[in-house]
Protein backbone atom coordinates (compact mmCIF):
# COMPACT_ATOMS: atom_id res chain seq x y z
CA MET A 1 -61.39 -26.08 0.78
CA GLU A 2 -64.32 -27.60 2.51
CA LEU A 3 -66.16 -29.99 -0.41
CA TRP A 4 -69.39 -28.29 0.66
CA GLU A 5 -67.79 -24.84 -0.28
CA PHE A 6 -66.17 -26.44 -3.44
CA ILE A 7 -70.15 -27.20 -4.45
CA TYR A 8 -71.42 -23.39 -3.48
CA ASN A 9 -68.68 -22.33 -5.71
CA LEU A 10 -69.92 -24.66 -8.48
CA HIS A 11 -73.23 -22.99 -8.56
CA TYR A 12 -72.97 -19.57 -7.29
CA ASP A 13 -69.50 -18.29 -7.24
CA THR A 14 -67.82 -19.54 -10.40
CA ASP A 15 -65.28 -17.53 -10.83
CA LYS A 16 -63.70 -19.69 -7.87
CA ALA A 17 -64.67 -22.67 -9.44
CA LYS A 18 -62.61 -21.50 -12.83
CA PRO A 19 -59.95 -19.31 -12.02
CA VAL A 20 -59.80 -15.87 -14.85
CA GLU A 21 -55.95 -16.69 -15.34
CA TRP A 22 -56.85 -20.47 -16.19
CA GLU A 23 -56.38 -20.82 -19.27
CA ALA A 24 -56.60 -24.12 -21.82
CA ASP A 25 -53.29 -25.37 -23.65
CA TRP A 26 -55.52 -26.43 -26.45
CA ASP A 27 -51.98 -27.19 -28.74
CA ASP A 28 -51.99 -30.49 -25.71
CA ALA A 29 -55.50 -30.73 -25.11
CA PRO A 30 -56.65 -34.75 -24.99
CA LEU A 31 -58.60 -36.30 -27.87
CA PRO A 32 -62.11 -36.93 -27.31
CA TYR A 33 -62.03 -40.18 -26.90
CA LYS A 34 -59.79 -42.69 -25.38
CA LEU A 35 -57.95 -44.93 -27.54
CA TYR A 36 -56.46 -48.41 -25.90
CA ARG A 37 -53.24 -50.14 -27.51
CA ARG A 38 -52.67 -53.53 -28.24
CA LEU A 39 -55.55 -55.50 -27.62
CA PRO A 40 -58.05 -57.90 -29.79
CA VAL A 41 -60.51 -55.31 -31.26
CA PHE A 42 -63.53 -56.58 -32.89
CA PRO A 43 -65.01 -54.17 -35.76
CA LEU A 44 -69.22 -52.66 -35.78
CA PRO A 45 -71.21 -53.05 -38.40
CA ALA A 46 -71.31 -49.41 -40.64
CA ASP A 47 -74.32 -50.18 -42.23
CA MET A 48 -76.21 -48.04 -39.77
CA PRO A 49 -80.41 -47.74 -40.15
CA LEU A 50 -81.27 -44.23 -41.52
CA THR A 51 -84.30 -44.61 -39.37
CA LEU A 52 -85.22 -46.15 -35.66
CA GLU A 53 -88.85 -45.65 -36.43
CA GLY A 54 -91.06 -48.53 -35.41
CA GLY A 55 -88.07 -50.49 -33.44
CA VAL A 56 -85.40 -52.47 -34.77
CA SER A 57 -86.46 -56.18 -36.14
CA GLY A 58 -84.37 -59.21 -34.88
CA SER A 59 -83.34 -60.59 -31.96
CA ARG A 60 -82.40 -57.37 -30.98
CA HIS A 61 -79.31 -58.43 -28.98
CA GLU A 62 -77.00 -59.85 -31.54
CA TRP A 63 -73.55 -58.13 -32.41
CA ARG A 64 -75.00 -55.95 -34.93
CA ASP A 65 -77.59 -54.43 -33.19
CA ILE A 66 -75.81 -54.09 -30.35
CA GLY A 67 -73.04 -51.88 -32.93
CA TYR A 68 -76.64 -49.51 -33.81
CA PHE A 69 -77.23 -49.45 -30.16
CA LEU A 70 -73.87 -47.99 -29.26
CA TRP A 71 -73.55 -45.56 -32.46
CA TYR A 72 -77.03 -44.11 -32.09
CA GLY A 73 -76.26 -43.82 -28.00
CA TYR A 74 -72.94 -42.25 -27.86
CA GLY A 75 -70.96 -42.66 -31.56
CA LEU A 76 -69.11 -40.03 -33.63
CA THR A 77 -72.29 -38.74 -35.95
CA GLN A 78 -70.92 -35.75 -37.88
CA LEU A 79 -67.88 -33.73 -38.76
CA THR A 80 -68.17 -29.97 -38.67
CA GLU A 81 -65.90 -26.92 -39.58
CA SER A 82 -66.86 -23.36 -39.01
CA GLY A 83 -64.56 -20.48 -40.14
CA TRP A 84 -64.18 -16.83 -38.92
CA LEU A 85 -62.43 -14.14 -39.23
CA PRO A 86 -60.00 -13.32 -36.51
CA ASP A 87 -59.29 -8.98 -35.24
CA GLY A 88 -57.37 -7.37 -37.45
CA GLN A 89 -56.48 -10.47 -39.95
CA SER A 90 -59.60 -10.00 -41.84
CA ASP A 91 -57.44 -11.30 -45.11
CA GLU A 92 -57.00 -14.24 -43.20
CA ALA A 93 -59.87 -16.79 -41.97
CA ALA A 94 -59.20 -19.50 -39.15
CA SER A 95 -61.52 -22.42 -38.67
CA THR A 96 -62.04 -25.02 -36.20
CA LYS A 97 -63.46 -28.65 -37.15
CA MET A 98 -65.63 -30.81 -34.20
CA TYR A 99 -66.21 -34.51 -34.34
CA ARG A 100 -69.81 -34.13 -32.78
CA ARG A 101 -72.09 -36.98 -30.96
CA VAL A 102 -75.81 -37.38 -31.03
CA VAL A 103 -75.83 -35.42 -27.33
CA PRO A 104 -74.52 -32.03 -26.81
CA SER A 105 -71.35 -31.84 -24.32
CA GLY A 106 -69.71 -29.20 -22.85
CA GLY A 107 -67.32 -27.30 -25.05
CA ALA A 108 -67.90 -30.76 -27.32
CA LEU A 109 -65.09 -32.02 -24.82
CA TYR A 110 -67.27 -35.64 -24.06
CA PRO A 111 -65.71 -36.44 -20.95
CA ASN A 112 -67.67 -39.96 -20.98
CA GLU A 113 -66.11 -43.11 -21.86
CA VAL A 114 -68.31 -46.20 -22.63
CA TYR A 115 -67.63 -49.68 -21.52
CA VAL A 116 -70.00 -52.94 -22.01
CA TYR A 117 -70.04 -56.57 -20.11
CA LEU A 118 -71.58 -58.28 -23.43
CA LYS A 119 -72.75 -62.11 -23.74
CA ILE A 120 -74.36 -62.35 -26.84
CA GLU A 121 -73.45 -64.64 -30.18
CA GLY A 122 -70.79 -63.50 -32.61
CA LEU A 123 -68.67 -62.10 -30.02
CA PRO A 124 -66.52 -63.37 -26.78
CA GLN A 125 -68.11 -63.17 -24.10
CA GLY A 126 -66.40 -60.38 -21.72
CA VAL A 127 -65.73 -56.81 -20.94
CA TYR A 128 -65.15 -54.13 -24.04
CA HIS A 129 -64.55 -50.78 -24.48
CA TYR A 130 -66.57 -49.05 -27.27
CA ASP A 131 -64.03 -47.22 -29.25
CA VAL A 132 -66.05 -44.73 -30.65
CA ALA A 133 -63.23 -43.19 -32.97
CA HIS A 134 -63.05 -46.33 -34.70
CA HIS A 135 -66.72 -47.98 -34.32
CA ARG A 136 -65.67 -50.97 -32.84
CA LEU A 137 -65.36 -52.57 -29.27
CA VAL A 138 -61.93 -53.39 -27.57
CA LEU A 139 -61.93 -56.19 -25.69
CA LEU A 140 -60.34 -55.69 -22.10
CA ARG A 141 -61.65 -58.43 -20.22
CA GLU A 142 -62.75 -62.28 -21.19
CA GLY A 143 -65.04 -64.43 -19.50
CA ASN A 144 -68.63 -64.57 -17.42
CA PHE A 145 -68.74 -62.01 -14.66
CA ASP A 146 -72.46 -61.94 -13.42
CA GLU A 147 -72.00 -62.86 -10.37
CA TYR A 148 -69.22 -60.17 -9.64
CA VAL A 149 -71.42 -57.56 -11.54
CA ALA A 150 -74.47 -58.53 -9.60
CA SER A 151 -73.03 -58.29 -6.26
CA ALA A 152 -71.57 -55.27 -7.15
CA LEU A 153 -74.94 -54.15 -7.61
CA GLY A 154 -75.79 -54.99 -4.37
CA ASP A 155 -77.71 -57.88 -5.86
CA ARG A 156 -80.59 -56.35 -6.63
CA CYS A 157 -80.25 -57.38 -10.52
CA ARG A 158 -80.19 -60.59 -11.51
CA VAL A 159 -77.80 -60.39 -14.53
CA SER A 160 -78.06 -63.68 -15.84
CA ASP A 161 -81.36 -62.42 -17.54
CA CYS A 162 -79.37 -59.97 -18.76
CA PHE A 163 -77.50 -59.76 -22.80
CA GLY A 164 -75.40 -56.62 -21.67
CA VAL A 165 -74.31 -54.15 -18.89
CA VAL A 166 -73.57 -50.50 -19.90
CA PHE A 167 -71.00 -48.19 -17.91
CA VAL A 168 -70.60 -44.75 -18.40
CA SER A 169 -67.60 -43.32 -17.06
CA THR A 170 -65.93 -39.73 -16.79
CA MET A 171 -62.20 -38.99 -17.44
CA PHE A 172 -61.49 -36.38 -15.23
CA TRP A 173 -58.71 -34.80 -17.22
CA LYS A 174 -60.87 -34.47 -21.01
CA ASN A 175 -62.72 -31.48 -19.80
CA PHE A 176 -60.87 -30.36 -16.59
CA PHE A 177 -58.07 -29.26 -19.26
CA LYS A 178 -60.11 -26.29 -20.19
CA TYR A 179 -62.61 -26.00 -17.31
CA TYR A 180 -60.59 -26.43 -14.27
CA ASN A 181 -62.93 -27.63 -11.12
CA PHE A 182 -65.82 -26.12 -12.74
CA ALA A 183 -65.46 -29.52 -15.11
CA TYR A 184 -66.93 -31.18 -12.14
CA ARG A 185 -70.30 -30.05 -12.85
CA LEU A 186 -70.15 -30.84 -16.62
CA GLN A 187 -69.75 -34.22 -15.89
CA GLY A 188 -72.58 -34.93 -13.82
CA LEU A 189 -74.74 -33.20 -16.77
CA ASP A 190 -72.65 -35.01 -19.83
CA THR A 191 -73.37 -38.17 -18.14
CA GLY A 192 -77.20 -37.38 -17.36
CA VAL A 193 -77.28 -36.51 -21.07
CA ALA A 194 -75.72 -39.33 -22.01
CA LEU A 195 -77.86 -41.33 -19.95
CA GLY A 196 -80.67 -39.78 -21.77
CA GLN A 197 -79.90 -40.75 -24.84
CA LEU A 198 -78.69 -44.41 -24.42
CA LEU A 199 -82.20 -44.81 -22.45
CA GLU A 200 -84.64 -43.49 -25.42
CA VAL A 201 -82.28 -45.83 -27.58
CA GLY A 202 -82.79 -48.49 -25.74
CA ARG A 203 -86.33 -48.85 -25.89
CA ARG A 204 -86.06 -48.40 -29.64
CA PHE A 205 -84.47 -51.58 -29.93
CA GLY A 206 -86.88 -53.51 -27.67
CA TYR A 207 -84.25 -53.37 -24.51
CA SER A 208 -85.37 -52.88 -21.21
CA PRO A 209 -82.81 -50.23 -19.43
CA VAL A 210 -82.41 -49.74 -15.82
CA VAL A 211 -79.94 -47.03 -14.70
CA CYS A 212 -78.11 -47.91 -11.71
CA PHE A 213 -76.71 -44.74 -9.77
CA GLN A 214 -75.72 -46.85 -6.81
CA PHE A 215 -72.98 -49.74 -6.72
CA LEU A 216 -69.42 -50.37 -5.62
CA ASP A 217 -67.15 -48.24 -7.21
CA GLN A 218 -64.10 -49.79 -6.94
CA ALA A 219 -65.09 -53.23 -7.94
CA VAL A 220 -66.49 -51.87 -11.04
CA ASN A 221 -63.65 -49.95 -11.95
CA ARG A 222 -61.67 -52.44 -11.13
CA LEU A 223 -63.47 -54.85 -13.56
CA LEU A 224 -62.57 -52.82 -16.30
CA GLY A 225 -59.16 -52.17 -15.57
CA LEU A 226 -59.43 -47.90 -14.41
CA ASP A 227 -57.47 -45.70 -12.55
CA GLU A 228 -59.34 -44.12 -10.18
CA ARG A 229 -57.08 -41.19 -10.06
CA GLU A 230 -57.94 -40.39 -13.57
CA GLU A 231 -61.69 -41.91 -14.39
CA SER A 232 -64.51 -43.54 -12.52
CA VAL A 233 -67.60 -44.75 -13.37
CA TYR A 234 -71.00 -42.74 -12.92
CA ALA A 235 -73.87 -45.12 -13.73
CA VAL A 236 -74.36 -48.69 -14.82
CA ILE A 237 -77.45 -49.35 -17.12
CA PRO A 238 -78.00 -53.19 -17.30
CA LEU A 239 -79.88 -54.42 -20.65
CA SER A 240 -82.71 -57.31 -21.02
CA ALA A 241 -84.98 -58.19 -23.81
CA LYS A 242 -87.06 -59.29 -20.51
CA PRO A 243 -89.38 -57.12 -18.69
CA ALA A 244 -87.54 -54.93 -16.01
CA ASP A 245 -89.40 -56.37 -12.72
CA ARG A 246 -88.85 -60.09 -13.92
CA TRP A 247 -85.16 -59.47 -12.50
CA PHE A 248 -84.70 -55.62 -11.20
CA ASP A 249 -85.69 -55.02 -7.24
CA PRO A 250 -84.63 -51.84 -6.32
CA GLY A 251 -85.95 -52.09 -2.72
CA ARG A 252 -84.92 -55.75 -2.19
CA ARG A 253 -82.59 -55.86 0.62
CA PRO A 254 -79.18 -57.62 0.09
CA GLU A 255 -78.64 -61.34 2.17
CA ARG A 256 -75.01 -60.58 2.71
CA GLU A 257 -73.24 -56.88 2.91
CA VAL A 258 -70.94 -56.89 0.42
CA THR A 259 -68.11 -54.76 0.21
CA ALA A 260 -65.96 -53.20 -2.21
CA PRO A 261 -62.25 -54.06 -1.05
CA ALA A 262 -63.65 -57.81 -0.28
CA LEU A 263 -65.46 -57.93 -4.08
CA SER A 264 -62.32 -56.56 -5.45
CA LEU A 265 -60.01 -59.35 -4.23
CA GLU A 266 -62.01 -61.92 -6.43
CA LEU A 267 -60.27 -60.35 -9.65
CA GLU A 268 -56.73 -59.81 -10.74
CA PRO A 269 -55.98 -56.43 -11.80
CA ILE A 270 -55.49 -55.42 -14.88
CA ARG A 271 -53.96 -52.01 -16.53
CA HIS A 272 -54.42 -51.19 -20.50
CA GLU A 273 -52.04 -49.15 -22.57
CA HIS A 274 -54.09 -46.14 -23.89
CA TYR A 275 -53.75 -42.98 -25.55
CA LEU A 276 -55.21 -39.58 -24.47
CA ARG A 277 -52.47 -37.18 -26.75
CA SER A 278 -52.00 -34.64 -23.86
CA LYS A 279 -48.41 -34.60 -22.52
CA LYS A 280 -48.63 -32.88 -19.22
CA VAL A 281 -51.90 -33.57 -17.12
CA ALA A 282 -52.17 -31.02 -14.73
CA ASP A 283 -53.66 -32.05 -10.73
CA TYR A 284 -57.19 -32.22 -10.01
CA PRO A 285 -56.95 -32.53 -6.38
CA LEU A 286 -60.41 -31.33 -5.58
CA LEU A 287 -62.13 -33.51 -8.26
CA ARG A 288 -60.56 -36.76 -7.14
CA ARG A 289 -61.20 -35.74 -3.43
CA MET A 290 -65.21 -35.25 -4.33
CA ASN A 291 -65.17 -38.73 -6.36
CA GLU A 292 -63.17 -40.22 -3.34
CA ALA A 293 -66.05 -38.92 -1.14
CA SER A 294 -68.35 -40.20 -3.46
CA LEU A 295 -67.86 -43.69 -3.64
CA GLN A 296 -69.70 -46.50 -1.82
CA GLN A 297 -67.75 -49.21 -0.17
CA SER A 298 -70.55 -51.47 1.09
CA SER A 299 -73.94 -52.86 -0.45
CA ARG A 300 -75.41 -51.20 3.32
CA TRP A 301 -74.73 -47.67 2.30
CA PHE A 302 -77.37 -47.94 -0.77
CA ARG A 303 -80.50 -45.65 -0.17
CA GLN A 304 -83.45 -44.99 -1.65
CA TRP A 305 -85.32 -41.73 -2.01
CA SER A 306 -88.52 -41.46 0.15
CA GLN A 307 -89.22 -37.64 0.50
CA PRO A 308 -92.74 -36.56 0.18
CA HIS A 309 -94.39 -34.77 -2.60
CA PRO A 310 -93.45 -31.02 -2.95
CA ALA A 311 -96.57 -29.25 -1.51
CA SER A 312 -98.38 -27.33 -4.70
CA TRP A 313 -97.95 -23.62 -5.06
CA SER A 314 -100.88 -21.41 -3.57
CA HIS A 315 -101.31 -19.67 -6.66
CA ALA A 316 -104.12 -20.39 -9.28
CA ASP A 317 -102.95 -23.30 -11.93
CA ILE A 318 -103.28 -22.92 -16.08
CA ARG A 319 -104.87 -25.96 -17.27
CA LEU A 320 -102.60 -27.03 -20.63
CA PRO A 321 -104.25 -28.42 -23.53
CA ASP A 322 -104.56 -31.80 -23.64
CA ALA A 323 -101.74 -33.15 -25.42
CA ASP A 324 -99.41 -36.34 -26.39
CA PRO A 325 -95.50 -35.99 -26.28
CA PRO A 326 -94.12 -35.08 -29.72
CA ALA A 327 -93.98 -38.14 -31.91
CA TYR A 328 -90.77 -38.67 -33.47
CA ASP A 329 -87.84 -41.43 -35.05
CA LEU A 330 -85.27 -40.92 -32.98
CA ALA A 331 -82.47 -41.56 -35.61
CA ALA A 332 -83.60 -38.76 -37.99
CA LEU A 333 -84.01 -36.48 -34.83
CA SER A 334 -80.84 -37.21 -33.53
CA ARG A 335 -79.22 -36.16 -36.96
CA ARG A 336 -81.67 -32.67 -36.92
CA ARG A 337 -80.74 -31.79 -33.47
CA TYR A 338 -79.40 -28.14 -33.25
CA SER A 339 -77.74 -26.16 -30.80
CA PRO A 340 -78.16 -22.62 -31.92
CA ASP A 341 -76.26 -19.30 -30.02
CA THR A 342 -77.23 -16.01 -32.15
CA ASP A 343 -79.83 -18.09 -34.68
CA TYR A 344 -82.82 -18.40 -32.62
CA VAL A 345 -85.61 -16.00 -34.25
CA LEU A 346 -88.25 -14.57 -32.12
CA ARG A 347 -91.91 -16.54 -32.92
CA SER A 348 -95.06 -16.79 -30.78
CA ILE A 349 -95.46 -20.15 -29.87
CA ASN A 350 -99.53 -22.08 -29.89
CA PRO A 351 -100.35 -23.56 -26.23
CA ALA A 352 -100.76 -27.08 -27.84
CA CYS A 353 -96.95 -26.96 -28.90
CA LEU A 354 -95.99 -25.84 -25.68
CA ALA A 355 -97.96 -28.18 -23.71
CA SER A 356 -96.86 -31.02 -26.20
CA LEU A 357 -93.33 -30.32 -24.99
CA LEU A 358 -93.65 -29.91 -21.33
CA LYS A 359 -95.03 -33.31 -21.37
CA GLY A 360 -93.11 -34.86 -23.64
CA THR A 361 -90.23 -33.45 -21.58
CA ALA A 362 -91.08 -34.13 -17.71
CA GLY A 363 -94.93 -35.46 -18.08
CA THR A 364 -94.07 -38.93 -16.93
CA ILE A 365 -90.85 -39.41 -14.72
CA ASP A 366 -90.64 -42.91 -16.86
CA TYR A 367 -86.87 -44.69 -16.58
CA ARG A 368 -86.26 -47.22 -14.14
CA ASN A 369 -83.86 -46.54 -11.70
CA ASP A 370 -82.28 -47.81 -8.14
CA LEU A 371 -83.28 -44.47 -6.37
CA ASP A 372 -87.30 -44.87 -6.41
CA GLY A 373 -88.29 -46.20 -3.36
CA THR A 374 -92.16 -46.18 -3.72
CA PRO A 375 -94.56 -46.78 -6.35
CA VAL A 376 -95.25 -42.98 -7.20
CA PRO A 377 -91.64 -41.38 -6.43
CA ALA A 378 -91.20 -38.22 -5.12
CA PRO A 379 -89.64 -36.09 -8.20
CA ARG A 380 -86.22 -35.04 -7.42
CA VAL A 381 -85.80 -32.76 -10.54
CA PHE A 382 -88.30 -30.03 -11.45
CA LEU A 383 -88.87 -28.36 -14.69
CA TYR A 384 -89.37 -24.06 -14.76
CA GLY A 385 -89.73 -21.71 -17.53
CA CYS A 386 -89.49 -18.13 -18.74
CA PHE A 387 -91.96 -17.73 -21.53
CA TYR A 388 -92.77 -14.48 -23.38
CA GLY A 389 -95.05 -14.88 -26.50
CA VAL A 390 -96.82 -17.68 -26.03
CA GLU A 391 -100.55 -17.16 -27.01
CA GLY A 392 -102.78 -17.24 -24.41
CA VAL A 393 -99.96 -17.53 -21.30
CA GLY A 394 -98.79 -14.11 -20.51
CA ALA A 395 -95.13 -13.25 -20.08
CA GLY A 396 -93.74 -14.50 -16.96
CA THR A 397 -92.08 -17.07 -14.81
CA TYR A 398 -93.98 -20.75 -14.28
CA HIS A 399 -93.70 -23.96 -12.77
CA TYR A 400 -94.65 -26.97 -14.58
CA ASP A 401 -96.74 -29.83 -12.22
CA ALA A 402 -96.08 -32.75 -14.55
CA SER A 403 -98.55 -34.91 -12.57
CA ARG A 404 -101.65 -32.24 -13.28
CA HIS A 405 -100.43 -31.44 -16.49
CA THR A 406 -100.57 -27.41 -15.05
CA LEU A 407 -98.62 -24.09 -15.18
CA THR A 408 -98.42 -21.91 -12.02
CA GLN A 409 -97.53 -18.41 -12.80
CA ILE A 410 -94.88 -17.25 -10.36
CA ARG A 411 -93.64 -13.54 -11.42
CA ASN A 412 -96.16 -11.73 -14.14
CA GLY A 413 -94.39 -9.40 -16.76
CA ASP A 414 -91.19 -9.91 -19.40
CA PRO A 415 -88.40 -11.73 -17.65
CA ARG A 416 -85.97 -11.37 -20.34
CA PHE A 417 -84.33 -8.34 -19.28
CA ARG A 418 -83.57 -10.34 -16.25
CA LEU A 419 -82.44 -13.16 -17.77
CA GLN A 420 -80.29 -11.60 -20.09
CA LEU A 421 -78.45 -9.57 -17.63
CA GLY A 422 -77.82 -13.13 -15.24
CA MET A 423 -75.73 -14.21 -18.16
CA THR A 424 -72.38 -14.76 -17.62
CA MET A 425 -71.52 -15.35 -21.54
CA HIS A 426 -73.28 -13.25 -23.54
CA ASN A 427 -73.10 -15.95 -26.43
CA VAL A 428 -77.21 -16.07 -26.53
CA ASN A 429 -79.53 -13.06 -27.25
CA LEU A 430 -82.31 -13.99 -24.60
CA TYR A 431 -84.76 -11.59 -26.08
CA GLN A 432 -84.90 -13.98 -29.38
CA VAL A 433 -86.22 -16.53 -26.90
CA PRO A 434 -89.93 -17.14 -26.69
CA LEU A 435 -89.29 -20.19 -23.96
CA CYS A 436 -86.23 -20.34 -21.21
CA MET A 437 -86.62 -23.22 -19.28
CA HIS A 438 -84.44 -24.28 -16.03
CA VAL A 439 -84.32 -27.78 -14.66
CA ALA A 440 -83.91 -27.23 -10.68
CA GLY A 441 -83.51 -29.67 -8.12
CA ASP A 442 -83.02 -29.78 -3.85
CA ASN A 443 -80.74 -26.80 -3.02
CA ARG A 444 -78.61 -29.10 -0.68
CA HIS A 445 -78.27 -31.49 -3.47
CA LEU A 446 -79.53 -34.87 -2.30
CA LEU A 447 -76.61 -34.62 0.08
CA ASP A 448 -79.09 -35.48 3.19
CA THR A 449 -80.08 -38.99 1.37
CA TRP A 450 -76.91 -39.99 -0.43
CA GLY A 451 -73.73 -37.82 0.82
CA TRP A 452 -70.98 -36.61 -1.24
CA ARG A 453 -72.87 -39.30 -3.92
CA GLY A 454 -76.11 -37.24 -4.32
CA TYR A 455 -74.35 -33.94 -6.22
CA ARG A 456 -73.53 -36.67 -9.01
CA ILE A 457 -76.88 -37.93 -8.85
CA GLN A 458 -78.53 -34.70 -8.96
CA GLN A 459 -76.55 -33.36 -11.60
CA MET A 460 -77.44 -36.78 -13.98
CA GLU A 461 -81.00 -36.65 -13.54
CA ALA A 462 -81.00 -33.27 -14.31
CA GLY A 463 -79.07 -34.06 -17.52
CA ILE A 464 -81.50 -36.65 -18.59
CA MET A 465 -84.62 -34.25 -18.37
CA VAL A 466 -82.24 -31.91 -20.57
CA GLN A 467 -81.98 -34.73 -23.02
CA ARG A 468 -85.75 -35.19 -23.08
CA LEU A 469 -86.45 -31.40 -23.73
CA LEU A 470 -84.02 -31.51 -26.51
CA LEU A 471 -85.63 -34.15 -28.33
CA ASN A 472 -89.02 -33.17 -27.96
CA ALA A 473 -88.03 -29.14 -29.05
CA ALA A 474 -86.06 -31.06 -32.29
CA ALA A 475 -89.31 -32.68 -32.76
CA LEU A 476 -91.31 -29.79 -32.69
CA GLY A 477 -88.82 -27.77 -35.04
CA MET A 478 -87.12 -25.81 -32.12
CA GLY A 479 -83.79 -25.58 -31.28
CA GLY A 480 -82.07 -25.98 -27.61
CA ARG A 481 -78.51 -24.78 -26.47
CA PRO A 482 -78.18 -26.21 -22.28
CA LEU A 483 -76.63 -23.27 -20.67
CA LEU A 484 -74.50 -22.84 -17.21
CA GLY A 485 -73.10 -19.67 -18.08
CA PHE A 486 -75.94 -17.65 -16.18
CA ASP A 487 -76.40 -16.34 -12.47
CA VAL A 488 -77.76 -19.11 -10.56
CA ALA A 489 -78.68 -16.87 -7.42
CA ASN A 490 -80.87 -14.15 -9.92
CA THR A 491 -82.12 -17.32 -11.49
CA ASP A 492 -83.53 -18.71 -8.33
CA ASP A 493 -85.00 -15.33 -7.55
CA LEU A 494 -86.82 -15.38 -10.29
CA TYR A 495 -88.72 -18.14 -9.41
CA ARG A 496 -88.99 -17.76 -5.42
CA LEU A 497 -87.00 -21.18 -5.47
CA PRO A 498 -85.51 -20.38 -1.95
CA LEU A 499 -88.88 -20.88 -0.44
CA ARG A 500 -89.29 -24.05 -2.03
CA ARG A 501 -85.29 -25.35 -0.92
CA GLN A 502 -84.85 -26.08 -4.42
CA THR A 503 -81.97 -24.11 -7.02
CA ALA A 504 -81.76 -23.93 -10.36
CA LEU A 505 -79.64 -26.68 -12.35
CA ILE A 506 -79.09 -25.64 -15.65
CA GLN A 507 -81.17 -23.13 -18.34
CA VAL A 508 -81.75 -24.24 -21.75
CA PRO A 509 -83.60 -21.58 -24.18
CA VAL A 510 -85.78 -23.38 -26.60
CA GLY A 511 -87.43 -21.63 -29.43
CA PRO A 512 -87.64 -21.43 -33.37
CA CYS A 513 -83.93 -20.91 -35.08
CA ARG A 514 -82.35 -20.88 -38.40
CA ASN A 515 -79.04 -22.79 -39.28
CA ARG A 516 -75.89 -21.22 -38.80
CA ALA A 517 -73.34 -21.03 -41.95
CA VAL A 518 -71.13 -24.29 -41.07
CA LEU A 519 -70.06 -26.90 -43.61
CA GLU A 520 -70.40 -30.57 -41.99
CA GLY A 521 -70.75 -33.95 -42.66
CA ASN A 522 -72.31 -36.95 -41.40
CA LEU A 523 -70.32 -40.02 -40.85
CA HIS A 524 -72.27 -43.20 -41.33
CA PHE A 525 -72.85 -45.09 -44.51
């Protein structure tokens, strides 16, 4: 199968991305976390601060604070148990347990792993794996790797000014076992959601995080000891207490060409034993081919985004009320965030609430990255919404222009029938949802700029926006549930996206909700 056909099926013909006959073997399912064996371990503090309001005091990059940062960024925070009565067995209830984190994940499978290169007091300098199951660090490789990591990032980052570097990887099998090839779409989005949370937490700790989507993959994977056939790094986040302008220059042209094979030879290979529970692991050739096609072999392959801003809609704009993004304590909000399904309750939304939600989600593209090539970069992902029951805003489909804080109506009328008809899994009653948001992007998935790597970059940026949307919705007392089970062609037509060479990437119903009956317990002291 050609790779372009594979990407097309991920969005428009999902039955081909996940065959109907494919069934997950839950008895042989992988764990939602990776466990290394027989390596030095360093427990992290369990006395989590229950508030991050006003930031965290102290040096902000000590051993203790790194533990708090990782836990609020991607740690296990909750155990839930749900029960139901299976058909024909009304006298015997069934139940399922799930370990939840602060971020959502498709099927709660969490295909990502987090690694850190640390240079802080209280820990040997080196590369670690964050063991979420035990909230501890596992030492993979000891030593100073400033020059190596800087070279892998194309010499655009002065790693010597950073106290740490976070690597977010994807383990292909962790959700391929359930979703088959459709897992590839989920993996990029899940990574983006994790990045969005890590950025938010980093700001609370006074760090200056930067997301690098471009790096020499083979060299980075060798540093961590990863087998690229089963796991690969998707994003790198250098961390520093200094302003990013002092140590990061995304437009810097390297004085020398650095290649992944040559740089990798500077390190001895390492292979550590790890446990993932599955005894049988099926092959996933298309995921491996996509990953191989996305790898960057030379620093000369790095590109920056220099596309013009899209033209404005010809329709009249609706000026939204002036509003500030909702203020919130990230720690409390992370515990309160909720993904409804049948729990939405239809209530009207006032314009100020809508304005605050939209501005907080997409009002400013304020995260530093290595993609933007101009001081005021053109956006790569866009926010659209199907609205019903918003006071002063007629039912219809809209585009939000973040630069002008305006809405443009694209279609008039109640969109809920078409939205519900387009659901491939009817697990959400969209008639009870006042706001159904969509994140959209280039319908060629940025392939013209970054090749096959552009697809996963686009999915990650969509995930970052989704996490912002979920946090802002929770701060306003609403719930949001990311969904991929929708008819993309139907949604594209609702917004007339083909005219703008865009396509819908993910759907997020947002609205008031009630909590379902579930037994849950928080995993902190």
